[in-house]
C-alpha atoms as a PDB file:
ATOM      1  CA  GLU A   1     -15.932 -13.234  -0.858  1.00  0.00           C
ATOM      2  CA  PHE A   2     -13.765 -11.659   2.308  1.00  0.00           C
ATOM      3  CA  LEU A   3     -15.013  -7.835   0.914  1.00  0.00           C
ATOM      4  CA  LYS A   4     -18.763  -9.343   1.445  1.00  0.00           C
ATOM      5  CA  ILE A   5     -17.954 -10.954   4.656  1.00  0.00           C
ATOM      6  CA  VAL A   6     -16.211  -7.789   6.299  1.00  0.00           C
ATOM      7  CA  PHE A   7     -17.590  -4.591   4.209  1.00  0.00           C
ATOM      8  CA  ARG A   8     -21.124  -3.875   3.791  1.00  0.00           C
ATOM      9  CA  GLY A   9     -22.066  -2.667   0.408  1.00  0.00           C
ATOM     10  CA  ASP A  10     -22.828   0.519  -1.269  1.00  0.00           C
ATOM     11  CA  ASN A  11     -26.484  -0.319  -1.539  1.00  0.00           C
ATOM     12  CA  ASP A  12     -26.746  -2.944   1.894  1.00  0.00           C
ATOM     13  CA  LYS A  13     -29.091  -1.912   4.711  1.00  0.00           C
ATOM     14  CA  PRO A  14     -27.005  -1.938   8.456  1.00  0.00           C
ATOM     15  CA  HIS A  15     -28.113  -5.058  10.813  1.00  0.00           C
ATOM     16  CA  ASP A  16     -27.205  -6.398  13.639  1.00  0.00           C
ATOM     17  CA  LEU A  17     -24.811  -9.322  13.002  1.00  0.00           C
ATOM     18  CA  SER A  18     -25.400 -12.881  15.071  1.00  0.00           C
ATOM     19  CA  ASP A  19     -22.242 -13.746  16.912  1.00  0.00           C
ATOM     20  CA  GLN A  20     -21.256 -16.384  14.327  1.00  0.00           C
ATOM     21  CA  GLU A  21     -21.556 -13.369  11.965  1.00  0.00           C
ATOM     22  CA  LYS A  22     -18.960 -11.606  13.718  1.00  0.00           C
ATOM     23  CA  VAL A  23     -16.261 -14.395  14.140  1.00  0.00           C
ATOM     24  CA  LYS A  24     -16.435 -15.273  10.084  1.00  0.00           C
ATOM     25  CA  ALA A  25     -16.175 -11.148   9.902  1.00  0.00           C
ATOM     26  CA  GLN A  26     -13.091 -10.948  12.134  1.00  0.00           C
ATOM     27  CA  GLN A  27     -11.789 -13.883  10.315  1.00  0.00           C
ATOM     28  CA  ALA A  28     -11.826 -12.518   7.172  1.00  0.00           C
ATOM     29  CA  TYR A  29     -10.475  -9.126   7.765  1.00  0.00           C
ATOM     30  CA  ARG A  30      -7.421 -10.615   9.752  1.00  0.00           C
ATOM     31  CA  LEU A  31      -7.063 -13.014   6.576  1.00  0.00           C
ATOM     32  CA  LEU A  32      -7.277  -9.588   4.470  1.00  0.00           C
ATOM     33  CA  GLU A  33      -5.341  -7.811   7.199  1.00  0.00           C
ATOM     34  CA  ALA A  34      -2.130 -10.960   6.214  1.00  0.00           C
ATOM     35  CA  TRP A  35      -2.363 -10.846   2.479  1.00  0.00           C
ATOM     36  CA  LYS A  36       0.587  -9.435   1.768  1.00  0.00           C
ATOM     37  CA  THR A  37       1.268 -12.127  -1.736  1.00  0.00           C
ATOM     38  CA  PRO A  38       0.530  -9.989  -5.092  1.00  0.00           C
ATOM     39  CA  PRO A  39      -1.366 -11.947  -7.297  1.00  0.00           C
ATOM     40  CA  GLY A  40       1.068 -12.699 -10.433  1.00  0.00           C
ATOM     41  CA  LEU A  41       4.050 -12.880  -8.029  1.00  0.00           C
ATOM     42  CA  LEU A  42       6.854 -15.059 -10.354  1.00  0.00           C
ATOM     43  CA  SER A  43      10.135 -14.655  -7.806  1.00  0.00           C
ATOM     44  CA  ALA A  44      10.804 -12.431  -5.112  1.00  0.00           C
ATOM     45  CA  GLU A  45      14.425 -12.028  -2.974  1.00  0.00           C
ATOM     46  CA  GLU A  46      13.483 -13.010   0.729  1.00  0.00           C
ATOM     47  CA  ILE A  47      14.048  -9.607   3.177  1.00  0.00           C
ATOM     48  CA  GLN A  48      14.138  -9.114   6.481  1.00  0.00           C
ATOM     49  CA  ASP A  49      12.542  -7.149   9.021  1.00  0.00           C
ATOM     50  CA  ARG A  50      13.779  -4.050   9.847  1.00  0.00           C
ATOM     51  CA  ASP A  51      13.496  -1.910  13.255  1.00  0.00           C
ATOM     52  CA  ASP A  52      15.354   1.028  12.129  1.00  0.00           C
ATOM     53  CA  GLY A  53      11.765   2.974  10.240  1.00  0.00           C
ATOM     54  CA  ASP A  54      12.978   2.199   6.906  1.00  0.00           C
ATOM     55  CA  ILE A  55      10.673   0.761   4.243  1.00  0.00           C
ATOM     56  CA  VAL A  56      12.817  -1.922   1.978  1.00  0.00           C
ATOM     57  CA  PHE A  57      11.755  -3.733  -1.115  1.00  0.00           C
ATOM     58  CA  SER A  58      13.138  -7.307  -2.587  1.00  0.00           C
ATOM     59  CA  ASN A  59      13.557  -7.484  -5.775  1.00  0.00           C
ATOM     60  CA  GLY A  60      11.539  -9.725  -7.928  1.00  0.00           C
ATOM     61  CA  ARG A  61       9.374 -10.530 -10.925  1.00  0.00           C
ATOM     62  CA  ILE A  62       5.950 -10.249 -11.697  1.00  0.00           C
ATOM     63  CA  ASP A  63       3.563 -12.233 -14.085  1.00  0.00           C
ATOM     64  CA  GLU A  64       1.935  -8.816 -15.495  1.00  0.00           C
ATOM     65  CA  VAL A  65      -0.890 -10.769 -17.423  1.00  0.00           C
ATOM     66  CA  ALA A  66      -1.736 -12.981 -14.274  1.00  0.00           C
ATOM     67  CA  LEU A  67      -1.963  -9.635 -12.264  1.00  0.00           C
ATOM     68  CA  VAL A  68      -3.916  -7.597 -14.413  1.00  0.00           C
ATOM     69  CA  ASN A  69      -6.349 -10.996 -15.153  1.00  0.00           C
ATOM     70  CA  TRP A  70      -7.245 -11.307 -11.217  1.00  0.00           C
ATOM     71  CA  ILE A  71      -7.304  -7.375 -10.790  1.00  0.00           C
ATOM     72  CA  THR A  72      -9.988  -7.275 -13.393  1.00  0.00           C
ATOM     73  CA  THR A  73     -11.790 -10.210 -12.643  1.00  0.00           C
ATOM     74  CA  ALA A  74     -11.729  -9.243  -8.569  1.00  0.00           C
ATOM     75  CA  ARG A  75     -12.749  -5.703  -9.624  1.00  0.00           C
ATOM     76  CA  LYS A  76     -15.440  -6.578 -11.932  1.00  0.00           C
ATOM     77  CA  LEU A  77     -16.566  -9.073  -9.054  1.00  0.00           C
ATOM     78  CA  ALA A  78     -16.522  -6.133  -6.093  1.00  0.00           C
ATOM     79  CA  GLN A  79     -18.427  -3.425  -8.497  1.00  0.00           C
ATOM     80  CA  GLU A  80     -21.362  -6.425  -8.813  1.00  0.00           C
ATOM     81  CA  CYS A  81     -22.125  -6.655  -4.514  1.00  0.00           C
ATOM     82  CA  GLY A  82     -21.459  -2.440  -4.424  1.00  0.00           C
ATOM     83  CA  ARG A  83     -18.139  -2.693  -3.358  1.00  0.00           C
ATOM     84  CA  GLN A  84     -15.464  -1.348  -5.786  1.00  0.00           C
ATOM     85  CA  ASP A  85     -13.808   1.249  -3.353  1.00  0.00           C
ATOM     86  CA  ILE A  86     -12.977  -0.830  -0.564  1.00  0.00           C
ATOM     87  CA  CYS A  87     -11.772  -3.317  -3.153  1.00  0.00           C
ATOM     88  CA  ASP A  88      -9.798  -1.204  -4.734  1.00  0.00           C
ATOM     89  CA  SER A  89      -8.453  -0.013  -1.532  1.00  0.00           C
ATOM     90  CA  ARG A  90      -7.083  -3.445  -0.792  1.00  0.00           C
ATOM     91  CA  ILE A  91      -5.471  -4.242  -3.805  1.00  0.00           C
ATOM     92  CA  GLY A  92      -3.739  -1.139  -3.311  1.00  0.00           C
ATOM     93  CA  GLN A  93      -2.700  -2.355  -0.193  1.00  0.00           C
ATOM     94  CA  VAL A  94      -1.238  -5.482  -0.966  1.00  0.00           C
ATOM     95  CA  LEU A  95       0.154  -3.818  -4.370  1.00  0.00           C
ATOM     96  CA  ALA A  96       2.517  -2.055  -1.171  1.00  0.00           C
ATOM     97  CA  TYR A  97       4.139  -4.831  -0.884  1.00  0.00           C
ATOM     98  CA  ALA A  98       5.432  -5.596  -4.923  1.00  0.00           C
ATOM     99  CA  PRO A  99       8.881  -6.190  -5.726  1.00  0.00           C
ATOM    100  CA  LYS A 100      11.201  -3.615  -6.851  1.00  0.00           C
ATOM    101  CA  ASP A 101      12.755  -3.597 -10.556  1.00  0.00           C
ATOM    102  CA  ASP A 102      16.235  -4.847 -10.826  1.00  0.00           C
ATOM    103  CA  ASP A 103      17.352  -0.825 -11.542  1.00  0.00           C
ATOM    104  CA  ASP A 104      15.855  -0.444  -8.407  1.00  0.00           C
ATOM    105  CA  THR A 105      12.901   1.727  -9.499  1.00  0.00           C
ATOM    106  CA  TRP A 106       9.928   0.964  -6.711  1.00  0.00           C
ATOM    107  CA  PRO A 107       7.008  -0.281  -7.626  1.00  0.00           C
ATOM    108  CA  CYS A 108       8.064  -2.357 -10.320  1.00  0.00           C
ATOM    109  CA  ALA A 109       7.060  -1.977 -14.035  1.00  0.00           C
ATOM    110  CA  ALA A 110       4.022  -4.032 -13.665  1.00  0.00           C
ATOM    111  CA  ILE A 111       2.306  -2.272 -10.759  1.00  0.00           C
ATOM    112  CA  ARG A 112       3.518   0.951 -12.878  1.00  0.00           C
ATOM    113  CA  ASN A 113       1.208  -0.215 -15.560  1.00  0.00           C
ATOM    114  CA  VAL A 114      -1.997  -1.219 -13.115  1.00  0.00           C
ATOM    115  CA  ILE A 115      -1.894   2.514 -12.014  1.00  0.00           C
ATOM    116  CA  GLU A 116      -1.469   3.986 -14.984  1.00  0.00           C
ATOM    117  CA  THR A 117      -4.170   2.122 -16.575  1.00  0.00           C
ATOM    118  CA  ILE A 118      -7.151   1.912 -13.872  1.00  0.00           C
ATOM    119  CA  LYS A 119      -6.096   5.399 -12.524  1.00  0.00           C
ATOM    120  CA  SER A 120      -8.226   4.723  -9.906  1.00  0.00           C
ATOM    121  CA  ASP A 121      -7.429   6.642  -6.377  1.00  0.00           C
ATOM    122  CA  LYS A 122      -8.520   4.330  -4.141  1.00  0.00           C
ATOM    123  CA  LEU A 123      -6.328   2.205  -5.547  1.00  0.00           C
ATOM    124  CA  GLU A 124      -3.115   4.459  -5.253  1.00  0.00           C
ATOM    125  CA  ARG A 125      -4.264   5.656  -2.089  1.00  0.00           C
ATOM    126  CA  GLY A 126      -4.423   1.810  -0.772  1.00  0.00           C
ATOM    127  CA  VAL A 127      -0.815   1.707  -2.089  1.00  0.00           C
ATOM    128  CA  SER A 128      -0.052   4.758   0.090  1.00  0.00           C
ATOM    129  CA  ILE A 129      -1.061   2.826   3.332  1.00  0.00           C
ATOM    130  CA  GLY A 130       0.254   0.128   2.732  1.00  0.00           C
ATOM    131  CA  VAL A 131       3.793   1.737   2.654  1.00  0.00           C
ATOM    132  CA  TYR A 132       3.094   3.353   5.371  1.00  0.00           C
ATOM    133  CA  ASN A 133       1.808   0.209   7.072  1.00  0.00           C
ATOM    134  CA  LYS A 134       4.933  -1.758   5.588  1.00  0.00           C
ATOM    135  CA  ARG A 135       7.037  -0.173   8.249  1.00  0.00           C
ATOM    136  CA  GLY A 136       6.111  -1.390  11.061  1.00  0.00           C
ATOM    137  CA  VAL A 137       7.331  -1.544  14.399  1.00  0.00           C
ATOM    138  CA  HIS A 138      10.148   0.798  14.945  1.00  0.00           C
ATOM    139  CA  TRP A 139      12.624   3.054  16.756  1.00  0.00           C
ATOM    140  CA  ARG A 140      12.363   6.089  16.216  1.00  0.00           C
ATOM    141  CA  ALA A 141      15.150   8.461  16.068  1.00  0.00           C
ATOM    142  CA  LYS A 142      15.730  12.176  16.858  1.00  0.00           C
ATOM    143  CA  GLY A 143      14.662  15.339  14.776  1.00  0.00           C
ATOM    144  CA  GLY A 144      12.752  13.509  11.733  1.00  0.00           C
ATOM    145  CA  VAL A 145      16.172  11.878  10.072  1.00  0.00           C
ATOM    146  CA  GLN A 146      14.121   8.651   9.515  1.00  0.00           C
ATOM    147  CA  GLU A 147      10.917  10.028   8.049  1.00  0.00           C
ATOM    148  CA  LYS A 148      12.912  12.417   5.941  1.00  0.00           C
ATOM    149  CA  LEU A 149      15.111   9.676   4.657  1.00  0.00           C
ATOM    150  CA  LEU A 150      11.790   8.288   3.627  1.00  0.00           C
ATOM    151  CA  ALA A 151      10.861  11.296   1.680  1.00  0.00           C
ATOM    152  CA  GLU A 152      13.605  11.276   0.128  1.00  0.00           C
ATOM    153  CA  LYS A 153      13.856   7.442  -1.277  1.00  0.00           C
ATOM    154  CA  PHE A 154      10.013   7.793  -2.843  1.00  0.00           C
ATOM    155  CA  ALA A 155      10.818  11.320  -3.967  1.00  0.00           C
ATOM    156  CA  THR A 156      14.166   9.703  -5.880  1.00  0.00           C
ATOM    157  CA  TYR A 157      11.552   6.707  -7.440  1.00  0.00           C
ATOM    158  CA  ALA A 158       9.046   9.306  -8.401  1.00  0.00           C
ATOM    159  CA  THR A 159      11.733  10.877 -10.443  1.00  0.00           C
ATOM    160  CA  ARG A 160      13.000   7.588 -11.982  1.00  0.00           C
ATOM    161  CA  ILE A 161       9.821   7.337 -13.641  1.00  0.00           C
ATOM    162  CA  GLN A 162       7.827  10.815 -13.871  1.00  0.00           C
ATOM    163  CA  SER A 163       8.140  11.041 -17.474  1.00  0.00           C
ATOM    164  CA  LYS A 164       6.251   7.358 -18.558  1.00  0.00           C
ATOM    165  CA  TYR A 165       4.190   6.933 -15.607  1.00  0.00           C
ATOM    166  CA  PRO A 166       2.999  10.155 -14.192  1.00  0.00           C
ATOM    167  CA  ARG A 167       0.476   8.744 -11.919  1.00  0.00           C
ATOM    168  CA  THR A 168       2.272   7.046 -10.038  1.00  0.00           C
ATOM    169  CA  ALA A 169       4.856   9.430  -9.976  1.00  0.00           C
ATOM    170  CA  ALA A 170       2.345  11.530  -8.310  1.00  0.00           C
ATOM    171  CA  MET A 171       1.172   8.590  -5.949  1.00  0.00           C
ATOM    172  CA  LEU A 172       4.561   8.432  -4.603  1.00  0.00           C
ATOM    173  CA  ARG A 173       4.975  11.969  -4.534  1.00  0.00           C
ATOM    174  CA  ALA A 174       2.561  11.914  -1.839  1.00  0.00           C
ATOM    175  CA  ILE A 175       3.785   9.440  -0.134  1.00  0.00           C
ATOM    176  CA  ALA A 176       7.363  11.637   0.384  1.00  0.00           C
ATOM    177  CA  LEU A 177       5.475  14.653   0.977  1.00  0.00           C
ATOM    178  CA  GLY A 178       3.683  12.316   4.210  1.00  0.00           C
ATOM    179  CA  PHE A 179       7.125  11.620   4.818  1.00  0.00           C
ATOM    180  CA  GLU A 180       7.916  15.334   4.673  1.00  0.00           C
ATOM    181  CA  HIS A 181       4.913  16.050   6.893  1.00  0.00           C
ATOM    182  CA  ASP A 182       6.486  13.607   9.468  1.00  0.00           C
ATOM    183  CA  ALA A 183      10.223  14.516  10.045  1.00  0.00           C
ATOM    184  CA  ARG A 184       8.543  18.152  10.672  1.00  0.00           C
ATOM    185  CA  ARG A 185       6.470  16.695  13.201  1.00  0.00           C
ATOM    186  CA  GLU A 186       8.891  14.458  14.459  1.00  0.00           C
ATOM    187  CA  ALA A 187      11.382  17.839  14.753  1.00  0.00           C
ATOM    188  CA  GLU A 188       8.777  20.118  16.729  1.00  0.00           C
ATOM    189  CA  SER A 189       7.930  17.481  18.994  1.00  0.00           C
ATOM    190  CA  ASP A 190      11.406  16.812  19.964  1.00  0.00           C
ATOM    191  CA  SER A 191      12.254  19.906  19.875  1.00  0.00           C
ATOM    192  CA  ILE A 192       9.255  21.065  22.248  1.00  0.00           C
ATOM    193  CA  GLU A 193      10.489  18.103  24.466  1.00  0.00           C
ATOM    194  CA  GLU A 194      13.639  19.961  25.146  1.00  0.00           C
ATOM    195  CA  PHE A 195      12.489  22.798  26.199  1.00  0.00           C
ATOM    196  CA  GLU A 196       9.798  20.597  28.930  1.00  0.00           C
END
C-alpha cells in the first residue's frame, strides 16, 4: 500500500496530486526510508552508530521461512499493481540491515539464500544502495583510507561465500569496487587540494 501511495505503477498515467495526497505520500516515503528491520528478524545485538566511516553489522538470526513468505507475498502484490522493480529495490534496501552470521559472514545465510533464489538485479542494487546509506554521516580521513578498508571488508565477505553463493558474492564484489572507486576519487581529490 505504501508503494502505491509513493510510486506510480508501470501503467499509471501521471496526474496532479491534491495537497492531502502529497502529505500522505511524504509520510509514506518517510516510513519506507525509516524501515530498517528485515522481516523475520528473531534477534540482533544492539550496535552503536559510528562516525568513523565504517559499516558494521550486528550478529543475529533471521527466520528464513518468515522472511521468504513475506518477500513472496510483497513481490506478488507489487507485481499485481505494476510496482515490481521498486518493490525489489526497497526490499533490498531493508535487507542491507540484516545481521551477519556468527562466523562474521555478511549477509547472513537467510539473506544469501533469498538473493540466490530470487535472482533480481533490482533487489541486489537495493542492497547496495542500503549499504551505502547505512554508512551515514561520518568524518573523512585523508587519502580514501576508510573507503579502502570498506572495499577490503566487502571483498573478504565475497571471497568467503563465492563458491556456494555466486550471485551474492558478485553483489558484494560490486559493492567493494564502488568503495575502491570512492577511495581513488578521495585520494585524487586530496592530492589536488595539496597543490591549490
